[in-house]
Amino acid sequence: EMMIVTKKGQPAGLLKVRRGEGPGVADLFVYMHDSAAYQLAGVARGLRGLIKEAAAGQSLRSIVSPVAPWETGLVTLLGQCGFAKAGTRREALYTQSRYHDVDVYVASVASL
C-alpha cells in the first residue's frame, strides 16, 4: 500500500497492490482524491512504473483491477496503462443501500 503524493508533498491518492486469486496474479486498487488527476499523463507513467517495480520481485504475470460504475476516471487511467476490460462481476459491490456490478480490468505485466 502506497500513498500517492504531489510534487509538493501533498497527499493525492492511494495505491494498493495485493495478491490476487491464483498464482502470478495481483489485485490493484487505485484512488485519486481529485478525479481530474486520473487523466494526467504523469500519473499513468508513474502507475506503470510502480506496477512494474512491484511485479519484478514477485513473479507476477497479470494485474487485475476492479472498477465501480462511477469510476470513469479510473477506467481512463487503466486504459492509458495498458489495461483492458476482461468482464463484469454482477452485483459484486454493495454500497449506497444496493448492489452494483463491477467491471474487471486486466493487464499483462509483460505488456506494461
PDB file of N, CA and C in Angstrom:
ATOM      1  N   GLU A   1       0.852  -1.168   0.000  1.00  0.00           N
ATOM      2  CA  GLU A   1       0.000   0.000   0.000  1.00  0.00           C
ATOM      3  C   GLU A   1       0.896   1.229   0.000  1.00  0.00           C
ATOM      4  N   MET A   2       0.603   2.185  -0.900  1.00  0.00           N
ATOM      5  CA  MET A   2       1.401   3.397  -1.014  1.00  0.00           C
ATOM      6  C   MET A   2       0.507   4.619  -1.123  1.00  0.00           C
ATOM      7  N   MET A   3       0.951   5.696  -0.526  1.00  0.00           N
ATOM      8  CA  MET A   3       0.252   6.958  -0.689  1.00  0.00           C
ATOM      9  C   MET A   3       0.855   7.656  -1.909  1.00  0.00           C
ATOM     10  N   ILE A   4       0.017   8.199  -2.742  1.00  0.00           N
ATOM     11  CA  ILE A   4       0.459   8.953  -3.906  1.00  0.00           C
ATOM     12  C   ILE A   4       0.481  10.420  -3.488  1.00  0.00           C
ATOM     13  N   VAL A   5       1.611  11.089  -3.715  1.00  0.00           N
ATOM     14  CA  VAL A   5       1.739  12.488  -3.314  1.00  0.00           C
ATOM     15  C   VAL A   5       2.097  13.350  -4.523  1.00  0.00           C
ATOM     16  N   THR A   6       1.779  14.628  -4.419  1.00  0.00           N
ATOM     17  CA  THR A   6       2.133  15.585  -5.472  1.00  0.00           C
ATOM     18  C   THR A   6       3.602  15.958  -5.336  1.00  0.00           C
ATOM     19  N   LYS A   7       4.116  16.730  -6.295  1.00  0.00           N
ATOM     20  CA  LYS A   7       5.496  17.197  -6.228  1.00  0.00           C
ATOM     21  C   LYS A   7       5.737  18.050  -4.988  1.00  0.00           C
ATOM     22  N   LYS A   8       4.685  18.659  -4.473  1.00  0.00           N
ATOM     23  CA  LYS A   8       4.800  19.499  -3.283  1.00  0.00           C
ATOM     24  C   LYS A   8       4.639  18.697  -1.991  1.00  0.00           C
ATOM     25  N   GLY A   9       4.443  17.382  -2.126  1.00  0.00           N
ATOM     26  CA  GLY A   9       4.320  16.525  -0.957  1.00  0.00           C
ATOM     27  C   GLY A   9       2.914  16.412  -0.391  1.00  0.00           C
ATOM     28  N   GLN A  10       1.926  16.935  -1.099  1.00  0.00           N
ATOM     29  CA  GLN A  10       0.537  16.853  -0.651  1.00  0.00           C
ATOM     30  C   GLN A  10      -0.059  15.499  -1.027  1.00  0.00           C
ATOM     31  N   PRO A  11      -0.847  14.893  -0.136  1.00  0.00           N
ATOM     32  CA  PRO A  11      -1.494  13.614  -0.476  1.00  0.00           C
ATOM     33  C   PRO A  11      -2.420  13.776  -1.683  1.00  0.00           C
ATOM     34  N   ALA A  12      -2.305  12.866  -2.637  1.00  0.00           N
ATOM     35  CA  ALA A  12      -3.124  12.940  -3.844  1.00  0.00           C
ATOM     36  C   ALA A  12      -3.966  11.691  -4.052  1.00  0.00           C
ATOM     37  N   GLY A  13      -3.560  10.574  -3.452  1.00  0.00           N
ATOM     38  CA  GLY A  13      -4.315   9.348  -3.662  1.00  0.00           C
ATOM     39  C   GLY A  13      -3.681   8.172  -2.951  1.00  0.00           C
ATOM     40  N   LEU A  14      -4.201   6.997  -3.268  1.00  0.00           N
ATOM     41  CA  LEU A  14      -3.754   5.774  -2.626  1.00  0.00           C
ATOM     42  C   LEU A  14      -3.637   4.668  -3.673  1.00  0.00           C
ATOM     43  N   LEU A  15      -2.587   3.878  -3.561  1.00  0.00           N
ATOM     44  CA  LEU A  15      -2.346   2.747  -4.455  1.00  0.00           C
ATOM     45  C   LEU A  15      -2.153   1.512  -3.588  1.00  0.00           C
ATOM     46  N   LYS A  16      -2.871   0.455  -3.911  1.00  0.00           N
ATOM     47  CA  LYS A  16      -2.741  -0.791  -3.155  1.00  0.00           C
ATOM     48  C   LYS A  16      -2.598  -1.943  -4.137  1.00  0.00           C
ATOM     49  N   VAL A  17      -1.569  -2.753  -3.931  1.00  0.00           N
ATOM     50  CA  VAL A  17      -1.360  -3.970  -4.725  1.00  0.00           C
ATOM     51  C   VAL A  17      -1.307  -5.125  -3.739  1.00  0.00           C
ATOM     52  N   ARG A  18      -2.118  -6.144  -3.976  1.00  0.00           N
ATOM     53  CA  ARG A  18      -2.122  -7.315  -3.087  1.00  0.00           C
ATOM     54  C   ARG A  18      -2.246  -8.587  -3.922  1.00  0.00           C
ATOM     55  N   ARG A  19      -1.909  -9.704  -3.311  1.00  0.00           N
ATOM     56  CA  ARG A  19      -2.037 -10.987  -4.013  1.00  0.00           C
ATOM     57  C   ARG A  19      -3.470 -11.193  -4.472  1.00  0.00           C
ATOM     58  N   GLY A  20      -3.595 -11.662  -5.693  1.00  0.00           N
ATOM     59  CA  GLY A  20      -4.914 -11.927  -6.243  1.00  0.00           C
ATOM     60  C   GLY A  20      -5.260 -13.402  -6.144  1.00  0.00           C
ATOM     61  N   GLU A  21      -6.289 -13.761  -6.857  1.00  0.00           N
ATOM     62  CA  GLU A  21      -6.724 -15.150  -6.892  1.00  0.00           C
ATOM     63  C   GLU A  21      -5.887 -15.910  -7.909  1.00  0.00           C
ATOM     64  N   GLY A  22      -5.142 -16.877  -7.450  1.00  0.00           N
ATOM     65  CA  GLY A  22      -4.321 -17.683  -8.343  1.00  0.00           C
ATOM     66  C   GLY A  22      -2.874 -17.241  -8.347  1.00  0.00           C
ATOM     67  N   PRO A  23      -1.995 -18.141  -8.779  1.00  0.00           N
ATOM     68  CA  PRO A  23      -0.564 -17.828  -8.814  1.00  0.00           C
ATOM     69  C   PRO A  23      -0.245 -16.816  -9.915  1.00  0.00           C
ATOM     70  N   GLY A  24       0.664 -15.899  -9.612  1.00  0.00           N
ATOM     71  CA  GLY A  24       1.098 -14.920 -10.605  1.00  0.00           C
ATOM     72  C   GLY A  24       0.118 -13.799 -10.848  1.00  0.00           C
ATOM     73  N   VAL A  25      -0.900 -13.656  -9.999  1.00  0.00           N
ATOM     74  CA  VAL A  25      -1.930 -12.626 -10.190  1.00  0.00           C
ATOM     75  C   VAL A  25      -1.946 -11.703  -8.979  1.00  0.00           C
ATOM     76  N   ALA A  26      -2.088 -10.408  -9.233  1.00  0.00           N
ATOM     77  CA  ALA A  26      -2.210  -9.431  -8.148  1.00  0.00           C
ATOM     78  C   ALA A  26      -3.421  -8.546  -8.419  1.00  0.00           C
ATOM     79  N   ASP A  27      -4.028  -8.068  -7.349  1.00  0.00           N
ATOM     80  CA  ASP A  27      -5.136  -7.119  -7.444  1.00  0.00           C
ATOM     81  C   ASP A  27      -4.591  -5.712  -7.257  1.00  0.00           C
ATOM     82  N   LEU A  28      -5.100  -4.784  -8.044  1.00  0.00           N
ATOM     83  CA  LEU A  28      -4.678  -3.385  -7.985  1.00  0.00           C
ATOM     84  C   LEU A  28      -5.872  -2.517  -7.647  1.00  0.00           C
ATOM     85  N   PHE A  29      -5.696  -1.656  -6.648  1.00  0.00           N
ATOM     86  CA  PHE A  29      -6.718  -0.683  -6.274  1.00  0.00           C
ATOM     87  C   PHE A  29      -6.082   0.693  -6.328  1.00  0.00           C
ATOM     88  N   VAL A  30      -6.723   1.627  -7.031  1.00  0.00           N
ATOM     89  CA  VAL A  30      -6.199   2.986  -7.159  1.00  0.00           C
ATOM     90  C   VAL A  30      -7.311   3.962  -6.802  1.00  0.00           C
ATOM     91  N   TYR A  31      -6.966   4.939  -5.964  1.00  0.00           N
ATOM     92  CA  TYR A  31      -7.901   6.006  -5.632  1.00  0.00           C
ATOM     93  C   TYR A  31      -7.158   7.330  -5.719  1.00  0.00           C
ATOM     94  N   MET A  32      -7.703   8.281  -6.468  1.00  0.00           N
ATOM     95  CA  MET A  32      -7.148   9.627  -6.545  1.00  0.00           C
ATOM     96  C   MET A  32      -8.148  10.590  -5.917  1.00  0.00           C
ATOM     97  N   HIS A  33      -7.650  11.465  -5.053  1.00  0.00           N
ATOM     98  CA  HIS A  33      -8.518  12.424  -4.358  1.00  0.00           C
ATOM     99  C   HIS A  33      -9.216  13.363  -5.348  1.00  0.00           C
ATOM    100  N   ASP A  34      -8.468  13.826  -6.333  1.00  0.00           N
ATOM    101  CA  ASP A  34      -9.010  14.722  -7.360  1.00  0.00           C
ATOM    102  C   ASP A  34      -9.286  13.889  -8.610  1.00  0.00           C
ATOM    103  N   SER A  35     -10.537  13.785  -9.006  1.00  0.00           N
ATOM    104  CA  SER A  35     -10.886  12.921 -10.144  1.00  0.00           C
ATOM    105  C   SER A  35     -10.210  13.349 -11.442  1.00  0.00           C
ATOM    106  N   ALA A  36      -9.846  14.631 -11.574  1.00  0.00           N
ATOM    107  CA  ALA A  36      -9.156  15.094 -12.785  1.00  0.00           C
ATOM    108  C   ALA A  36      -7.746  14.503 -12.876  1.00  0.00           C
ATOM    109  N   ALA A  37      -7.169  14.099 -11.760  1.00  0.00           N
ATOM    110  CA  ALA A  37      -5.804  13.562 -11.753  1.00  0.00           C
ATOM    111  C   ALA A  37      -5.706  12.233 -12.486  1.00  0.00           C
ATOM    112  N   TYR A  38      -6.803  11.497 -12.588  1.00  0.00           N
ATOM    113  CA  TYR A  38      -6.779  10.216 -13.301  1.00  0.00           C
ATOM    114  C   TYR A  38      -6.344  10.393 -14.755  1.00  0.00           C
ATOM    115  N   GLN A  39      -6.582  11.562 -15.313  1.00  0.00           N
ATOM    116  CA  GLN A  39      -6.325  11.775 -16.733  1.00  0.00           C
ATOM    117  C   GLN A  39      -4.970  12.400 -17.026  1.00  0.00           C
ATOM    118  N   LEU A  40      -4.163  12.650 -16.010  1.00  0.00           N
ATOM    119  CA  LEU A  40      -2.848  13.245 -16.218  1.00  0.00           C
ATOM    120  C   LEU A  40      -1.860  12.183 -16.706  1.00  0.00           C
ATOM    121  N   ALA A  41      -1.104  12.532 -17.742  1.00  0.00           N
ATOM    122  CA  ALA A  41      -0.148  11.575 -18.319  1.00  0.00           C
ATOM    123  C   ALA A  41       0.899  11.150 -17.306  1.00  0.00           C
ATOM    124  N   GLY A  42       1.329  12.051 -16.442  1.00  0.00           N
ATOM    125  CA  GLY A  42       2.337  11.718 -15.441  1.00  0.00           C
ATOM    126  C   GLY A  42       1.846  10.671 -14.453  1.00  0.00           C
ATOM    127  N   VAL A  43       0.576  10.693 -14.142  1.00  0.00           N
ATOM    128  CA  VAL A  43       0.005   9.706 -13.224  1.00  0.00           C
ATOM    129  C   VAL A  43       0.049   8.324 -13.872  1.00  0.00           C
ATOM    130  N   ALA A  44      -0.287   8.231 -15.149  1.00  0.00           N
ATOM    131  CA  ALA A  44      -0.251   6.943 -15.856  1.00  0.00           C
ATOM    132  C   ALA A  44       1.177   6.409 -15.934  1.00  0.00           C
ATOM    133  N   ARG A  45       2.139   7.270 -16.258  1.00  0.00           N
ATOM    134  CA  ARG A  45       3.548   6.840 -16.319  1.00  0.00           C
ATOM    135  C   ARG A  45       4.018   6.345 -14.952  1.00  0.00           C
ATOM    136  N   GLY A  46       3.683   7.101 -13.924  1.00  0.00           N
ATOM    137  CA  GLY A  46       4.076   6.715 -12.575  1.00  0.00           C
ATOM    138  C   GLY A  46       3.453   5.402 -12.134  1.00  0.00           C
ATOM    139  N   LEU A  47       2.174   5.218 -12.460  1.00  0.00           N
ATOM    140  CA  LEU A  47       1.483   3.981 -12.095  1.00  0.00           C
ATOM    141  C   LEU A  47       2.100   2.780 -12.795  1.00  0.00           C
ATOM    142  N   ARG A  48       2.393   2.922 -14.093  1.00  0.00           N
ATOM    143  CA  ARG A  48       3.053   1.823 -14.820  1.00  0.00           C
ATOM    144  C   ARG A  48       4.384   1.465 -14.164  1.00  0.00           C
ATOM    145  N   GLY A  49       5.163   2.470 -13.794  1.00  0.00           N
ATOM    146  CA  GLY A  49       6.450   2.234 -13.155  1.00  0.00           C
ATOM    147  C   GLY A  49       6.308   1.527 -11.821  1.00  0.00           C
ATOM    148  N   LEU A  50       5.336   1.949 -11.020  1.00  0.00           N
ATOM    149  CA  LEU A  50       5.112   1.315  -9.719  1.00  0.00           C
ATOM    150  C   LEU A  50       4.658  -0.132  -9.870  1.00  0.00           C
ATOM    151  N   ILE A  51       3.801  -0.379 -10.846  1.00  0.00           N
ATOM    152  CA  ILE A  51       3.329  -1.751 -11.073  1.00  0.00           C
ATOM    153  C   ILE A  51       4.488  -2.639 -11.512  1.00  0.00           C
ATOM    154  N   LYS A  52       5.317  -2.144 -12.431  1.00  0.00           N
ATOM    155  CA  LYS A  52       6.467  -2.926 -12.887  1.00  0.00           C
ATOM    156  C   LYS A  52       7.398  -3.257 -11.725  1.00  0.00           C
ATOM    157  N   GLU A  53       7.649  -2.275 -10.881  1.00  0.00           N
ATOM    158  CA  GLU A  53       8.538  -2.495  -9.741  1.00  0.00           C
ATOM    159  C   GLU A  53       7.954  -3.506  -8.761  1.00  0.00           C
ATOM    160  N   ALA A  54       6.669  -3.391  -8.489  1.00  0.00           N
ATOM    161  CA  ALA A  54       6.019  -4.332  -7.577  1.00  0.00           C
ATOM    162  C   ALA A  54       6.018  -5.736  -8.160  1.00  0.00           C
ATOM    163  N   ALA A  55       5.835  -5.841  -9.467  1.00  0.00           N
ATOM    164  CA  ALA A  55       5.763  -7.143 -10.125  1.00  0.00           C
ATOM    165  C   ALA A  55       7.120  -7.820 -10.225  1.00  0.00           C
ATOM    166  N   ALA A  56       8.177  -7.041 -10.319  1.00  0.00           N
ATOM    167  CA  ALA A  56       9.508  -7.596 -10.543  1.00  0.00           C
ATOM    168  C   ALA A  56       9.937  -8.562  -9.441  1.00  0.00           C
ATOM    169  N   GLY A  57       9.666  -8.220  -8.212  1.00  0.00           N
ATOM    170  CA  GLY A  57      10.116  -9.063  -7.121  1.00  0.00           C
ATOM    171  C   GLY A  57       9.153 -10.164  -6.734  1.00  0.00           C
ATOM    172  N   GLN A  58       8.017 -10.264  -7.424  1.00  0.00           N
ATOM    173  CA  GLN A  58       7.004 -11.226  -7.018  1.00  0.00           C
ATOM    174  C   GLN A  58       6.604 -12.200  -8.114  1.00  0.00           C
ATOM    175  N   SER A  59       7.294 -12.215  -9.225  1.00  0.00           N
ATOM    176  CA  SER A  59       6.991 -13.075 -10.373  1.00  0.00           C
ATOM    177  C   SER A  59       5.514 -13.033 -10.754  1.00  0.00           C
ATOM    178  N   LEU A  60       4.999 -11.819 -10.906  1.00  0.00           N
ATOM    179  CA  LEU A  60       3.601 -11.641 -11.323  1.00  0.00           C
ATOM    180  C   LEU A  60       3.483 -11.694 -12.830  1.00  0.00           C
ATOM    181  N   ARG A  61       2.393 -12.254 -13.307  1.00  0.00           N
ATOM    182  CA  ARG A  61       2.113 -12.313 -14.741  1.00  0.00           C
ATOM    183  C   ARG A  61       1.021 -11.346 -15.142  1.00  0.00           C
ATOM    184  N   SER A  62       0.040 -11.135 -14.246  1.00  0.00           N
ATOM    185  CA  SER A  62      -1.051 -10.235 -14.610  1.00  0.00           C
ATOM    186  C   SER A  62      -1.554  -9.467 -13.392  1.00  0.00           C
ATOM    187  N   ILE A  63      -2.130  -8.312 -13.674  1.00  0.00           N
ATOM    188  CA  ILE A  63      -2.682  -7.425 -12.660  1.00  0.00           C
ATOM    189  C   ILE A  63      -4.164  -7.245 -12.955  1.00  0.00           C
ATOM    190  N   VAL A  64      -4.995  -7.382 -11.931  1.00  0.00           N
ATOM    191  CA  VAL A  64      -6.449  -7.272 -12.071  1.00  0.00           C
ATOM    192  C   VAL A  64      -6.919  -6.073 -11.251  1.00  0.00           C
ATOM    193  N   SER A  65      -7.779  -5.252 -11.841  1.00  0.00           N
ATOM    194  CA  SER A  65      -8.289  -4.080 -11.128  1.00  0.00           C
ATOM    195  C   SER A  65      -9.812  -4.002 -11.260  1.00  0.00           C
ATOM    196  N   PRO A  66     -10.529  -4.069 -10.141  1.00  0.00           N
ATOM    197  CA  PRO A  66     -11.986  -3.906 -10.187  1.00  0.00           C
ATOM    198  C   PRO A  66     -12.339  -2.422 -10.274  1.00  0.00           C
ATOM    199  N   VAL A  67     -13.400  -2.117 -11.020  1.00  0.00           N
ATOM    200  CA  VAL A  67     -13.803  -0.725 -11.216  1.00  0.00           C
ATOM    201  C   VAL A  67     -15.312  -0.603 -11.028  1.00  0.00           C
ATOM    202  N   ALA A  68     -15.711   0.261 -10.106  1.00  0.00           N
ATOM    203  CA  ALA A  68     -17.133   0.520  -9.867  1.00  0.00           C
ATOM    204  C   ALA A  68     -17.695   1.371 -11.016  1.00  0.00           C
ATOM    205  N   PRO A  69     -19.009   1.347 -11.230  1.00  0.00           N
ATOM    206  CA  PRO A  69     -19.613   2.058 -12.367  1.00  0.00           C
ATOM    207  C   PRO A  69     -19.328   3.555 -12.393  1.00  0.00           C
ATOM    208  N   TRP A  70     -19.149   4.175 -11.260  1.00  0.00           N
ATOM    209  CA  TRP A  70     -18.965   5.631 -11.220  1.00  0.00           C
ATOM    210  C   TRP A  70     -17.493   6.044 -11.321  1.00  0.00           C
ATOM    211  N   GLU A  71     -16.587   5.089 -11.443  1.00  0.00           N
ATOM    212  CA  GLU A  71     -15.162   5.398 -11.509  1.00  0.00           C
ATOM    213  C   GLU A  71     -14.670   5.555 -12.952  1.00  0.00           C
ATOM    214  N   THR A  72     -15.264   6.474 -13.671  1.00  0.00           N
ATOM    215  CA  THR A  72     -14.919   6.679 -15.083  1.00  0.00           C
ATOM    216  C   THR A  72     -13.482   7.167 -15.255  1.00  0.00           C
ATOM    217  N   GLY A  73     -13.002   7.980 -14.329  1.00  0.00           N
ATOM    218  CA  GLY A  73     -11.618   8.444 -14.410  1.00  0.00           C
ATOM    219  C   GLY A  73     -10.630   7.301 -14.276  1.00  0.00           C
ATOM    220  N   LEU A  74     -10.944   6.343 -13.415  1.00  0.00           N
ATOM    221  CA  LEU A  74     -10.081   5.176 -13.239  1.00  0.00           C
ATOM    222  C   LEU A  74     -10.034   4.338 -14.511  1.00  0.00           C
ATOM    223  N   VAL A  75     -11.148   4.232 -15.213  1.00  0.00           N
ATOM    224  CA  VAL A  75     -11.179   3.487 -16.481  1.00  0.00           C
ATOM    225  C   VAL A  75     -10.209   4.133 -17.474  1.00  0.00           C
ATOM    226  N   THR A  76     -10.209   5.468 -17.535  1.00  0.00           N
ATOM    227  CA  THR A  76      -9.297   6.191 -18.424  1.00  0.00           C
ATOM    228  C   THR A  76      -7.845   5.919 -18.046  1.00  0.00           C
ATOM    229  N   LEU A  77      -7.536   6.004 -16.759  1.00  0.00           N
ATOM    230  CA  LEU A  77      -6.177   5.764 -16.284  1.00  0.00           C
ATOM    231  C   LEU A  77      -5.718   4.346 -16.599  1.00  0.00           C
ATOM    232  N   LEU A  78      -6.549   3.374 -16.317  1.00  0.00           N
ATOM    233  CA  LEU A  78      -6.179   1.983 -16.592  1.00  0.00           C
ATOM    234  C   LEU A  78      -5.945   1.760 -18.081  1.00  0.00           C
ATOM    235  N   GLY A  79      -6.770   2.378 -18.915  1.00  0.00           N
ATOM    236  CA  GLY A  79      -6.584   2.270 -20.360  1.00  0.00           C
ATOM    237  C   GLY A  79      -5.246   2.844 -20.799  1.00  0.00           C
ATOM    238  N   GLN A  80      -4.836   3.960 -20.203  1.00  0.00           N
ATOM    239  CA  GLN A  80      -3.547   4.568 -20.526  1.00  0.00           C
ATOM    240  C   GLN A  80      -2.384   3.682 -20.079  1.00  0.00           C
ATOM    241  N   CYS A  81      -2.632   2.829 -19.110  1.00  0.00           N
ATOM    242  CA  CYS A  81      -1.588   1.940 -18.588  1.00  0.00           C
ATOM    243  C   CYS A  81      -1.579   0.576 -19.269  1.00  0.00           C
ATOM    244  N   GLY A  82      -2.463   0.343 -20.223  1.00  0.00           N
ATOM    245  CA  GLY A  82      -2.469  -0.918 -20.946  1.00  0.00           C
ATOM    246  C   GLY A  82      -3.454  -1.959 -20.448  1.00  0.00           C
ATOM    247  N   PHE A  83      -4.358  -1.571 -19.569  1.00  0.00           N
ATOM    248  CA  PHE A  83      -5.381  -2.498 -19.081  1.00  0.00           C
ATOM    249  C   PHE A  83      -6.523  -2.580 -20.084  1.00  0.00           C
ATOM    250  N   ALA A  84      -7.169  -3.727 -20.135  1.00  0.00           N
ATOM    251  CA  ALA A  84      -8.333  -3.936 -20.992  1.00  0.00           C
ATOM    252  C   ALA A  84      -9.447  -4.569 -20.159  1.00  0.00           C
ATOM    253  N   LYS A  85     -10.680  -4.248 -20.502  1.00  0.00           N
ATOM    254  CA  LYS A  85     -11.812  -4.815 -19.772  1.00  0.00           C
ATOM    255  C   LYS A  85     -11.890  -6.308 -20.054  1.00  0.00           C
ATOM    256  N   ALA A  86     -11.939  -7.094 -18.965  1.00  0.00           N
ATOM    257  CA  ALA A  86     -11.983  -8.548 -19.101  1.00  0.00           C
ATOM    258  C   ALA A  86     -13.366  -9.110 -18.838  1.00  0.00           C
ATOM    259  N   GLY A  87     -14.215  -8.338 -18.176  1.00  0.00           N
ATOM    260  CA  GLY A  87     -15.551  -8.831 -17.869  1.00  0.00           C
ATOM    261  C   GLY A  87     -16.212  -7.999 -16.794  1.00  0.00           C
ATOM    262  N   THR A  88     -17.352  -8.494 -16.335  1.00  0.00           N
ATOM    263  CA  THR A  88     -18.128  -7.800 -15.314  1.00  0.00           C
ATOM    264  C   THR A  88     -18.561  -8.800 -14.253  1.00  0.00           C
ATOM    265  N   ARG A  89     -18.351  -8.441 -13.019  1.00  0.00           N
ATOM    266  CA  ARG A  89     -18.847  -9.237 -11.894  1.00  0.00           C
ATOM    267  C   ARG A  89     -20.195  -8.651 -11.504  1.00  0.00           C
ATOM    268  N   ARG A  90     -21.234  -9.427 -11.660  1.00  0.00           N
ATOM    269  CA  ARG A  90     -22.591  -8.951 -11.392  1.00  0.00           C
ATOM    270  C   ARG A  90     -22.827  -8.805  -9.899  1.00  0.00           C
ATOM    271  N   GLU A  91     -23.385  -7.652  -9.538  1.00  0.00           N
ATOM    272  CA  GLU A  91     -23.772  -7.345  -8.157  1.00  0.00           C
ATOM    273  C   GLU A  91     -22.666  -7.701  -7.157  1.00  0.00           C
ATOM    274  N   ALA A  92     -21.431  -7.334  -7.476  1.00  0.00           N
ATOM    275  CA  ALA A  92     -20.281  -7.689  -6.642  1.00  0.00           C
ATOM    276  C   ALA A  92     -19.968  -6.651  -5.566  1.00  0.00           C
ATOM    277  N   LEU A  93     -20.596  -5.494  -5.638  1.00  0.00           N
ATOM    278  CA  LEU A  93     -20.304  -4.419  -4.690  1.00  0.00           C
ATOM    279  C   LEU A  93     -21.598  -3.942  -4.048  1.00  0.00           C
ATOM    280  N   TYR A  94     -21.615  -3.941  -2.721  1.00  0.00           N
ATOM    281  CA  TYR A  94     -22.778  -3.432  -2.008  1.00  0.00           C
ATOM    282  C   TYR A  94     -22.398  -2.102  -1.362  1.00  0.00           C
ATOM    283  N   THR A  95     -23.001  -1.039  -1.834  1.00  0.00           N
ATOM    284  CA  THR A  95     -22.796   0.290  -1.277  1.00  0.00           C
ATOM    285  C   THR A  95     -23.997   1.155  -1.624  1.00  0.00           C
ATOM    286  N   GLN A  96     -24.219   2.181  -0.837  1.00  0.00           N
ATOM    287  CA  GLN A  96     -25.343   3.091  -1.064  1.00  0.00           C
ATOM    288  C   GLN A  96     -26.676   2.336  -1.073  1.00  0.00           C
ATOM    289  N   SER A  97     -26.784   1.353  -0.194  1.00  0.00           N
ATOM    290  CA  SER A  97     -28.009   0.569   0.024  1.00  0.00           C
ATOM    291  C   SER A  97     -28.446  -0.283  -1.156  1.00  0.00           C
ATOM    292  N   ARG A  98     -27.512  -0.643  -2.033  1.00  0.00           N
ATOM    293  CA  ARG A  98     -27.854  -1.539  -3.143  1.00  0.00           C
ATOM    294  C   ARG A  98     -26.606  -2.194  -3.713  1.00  0.00           C
ATOM    295  N   TYR A  99     -26.825  -3.230  -4.512  1.00  0.00           N
ATOM    296  CA  TYR A  99     -25.731  -3.939  -5.168  1.00  0.00           C
ATOM    297  C   TYR A  99     -25.423  -3.286  -6.506  1.00  0.00           C
ATOM    298  N   HIS A 100     -24.138  -3.304  -6.879  1.00  0.00           N
ATOM    299  CA  HIS A 100     -23.690  -2.730  -8.147  1.00  0.00           C
ATOM    300  C   HIS A 100     -22.800  -3.730  -8.872  1.00  0.00           C
ATOM    301  N   ASP A 101     -22.854  -3.705 -10.193  1.00  0.00           N
ATOM    302  CA  ASP A 101     -21.932  -4.501 -10.990  1.00  0.00           C
ATOM    303  C   ASP A 101     -20.548  -3.860 -10.909  1.00  0.00           C
ATOM    304  N   VAL A 102     -19.511  -4.676 -11.048  1.00  0.00           N
ATOM    305  CA  VAL A 102     -18.133  -4.192 -11.026  1.00  0.00           C
ATOM    306  C   VAL A 102     -17.428  -4.704 -12.277  1.00  0.00           C
ATOM    307  N   ASP A 103     -16.899  -3.786 -13.079  1.00  0.00           N
ATOM    308  CA  ASP A 103     -16.111  -4.187 -14.246  1.00  0.00           C
ATOM    309  C   ASP A 103     -14.719  -4.582 -13.791  1.00  0.00           C
ATOM    310  N   VAL A 104     -14.149  -5.549 -14.470  1.00  0.00           N
ATOM    311  CA  VAL A 104     -12.815  -6.036 -14.123  1.00  0.00           C
ATOM    312  C   VAL A 104     -11.878  -5.755 -15.292  1.00  0.00           C
ATOM    313  N   TYR A 105     -10.769  -5.076 -14.998  1.00  0.00           N
ATOM    314  CA  TYR A 105      -9.768  -4.737 -15.998  1.00  0.00           C
ATOM    315  C   TYR A 105      -8.494  -5.526 -15.696  1.00  0.00           C
ATOM    316  N   VAL A 106      -7.833  -6.006 -16.752  1.00  0.00           N
ATOM    317  CA  VAL A 106      -6.651  -6.849 -16.593  1.00  0.00           C
ATOM    318  C   VAL A 106      -5.547  -6.345 -17.511  1.00  0.00           C
ATOM    319  N   ALA A 107      -4.301  -6.453 -17.000  1.00  0.00           N
ATOM    320  CA  ALA A 107      -3.121  -6.147 -17.827  1.00  0.00           C
ATOM    321  C   ALA A 107      -2.077  -7.220 -17.581  1.00  0.00           C
ATOM    322  N   SER A 108      -1.397  -7.579 -18.645  1.00  0.00           N
ATOM    323  CA  SER A 108      -0.266  -8.484 -18.538  1.00  0.00           C
ATOM    324  C   SER A 108       0.942  -7.654 -18.102  1.00  0.00           C
ATOM    325  N   VAL A 109       1.665  -8.126 -17.118  1.00  0.00           N
ATOM    326  CA  VAL A 109       2.827  -7.384 -16.623  1.00  0.00           C
ATOM    327  C   VAL A 109       3.847  -7.187 -17.755  1.00  0.00           C
ATOM    328  N   ALA A 110       3.977  -8.180 -18.622  1.00  0.00           N
ATOM    329  CA  ALA A 110       4.932  -8.081 -19.745  1.00  0.00           C
ATOM    330  C   ALA A 110       4.572  -6.948 -20.703  1.00  0.00           C
ATOM    331  N   SER A 111       3.299  -6.584 -20.811  1.00  0.00           N
ATOM    332  CA  SER A 111       2.877  -5.539 -21.748  1.00  0.00           C
ATOM    333  C   SER A 111       2.989  -4.140 -21.179  1.00  0.00           C
ATOM    334  N   LEU A 112       3.288  -4.035 -19.894  1.00  0.00           N
ATOM    335  CA  LEU A 112       3.425  -2.709 -19.290  1.00  0.00           C
ATOM    336  C   LEU A 112       4.759  -2.175 -19.655  1.00  0.00           C
TER     337      LEU A 112
END
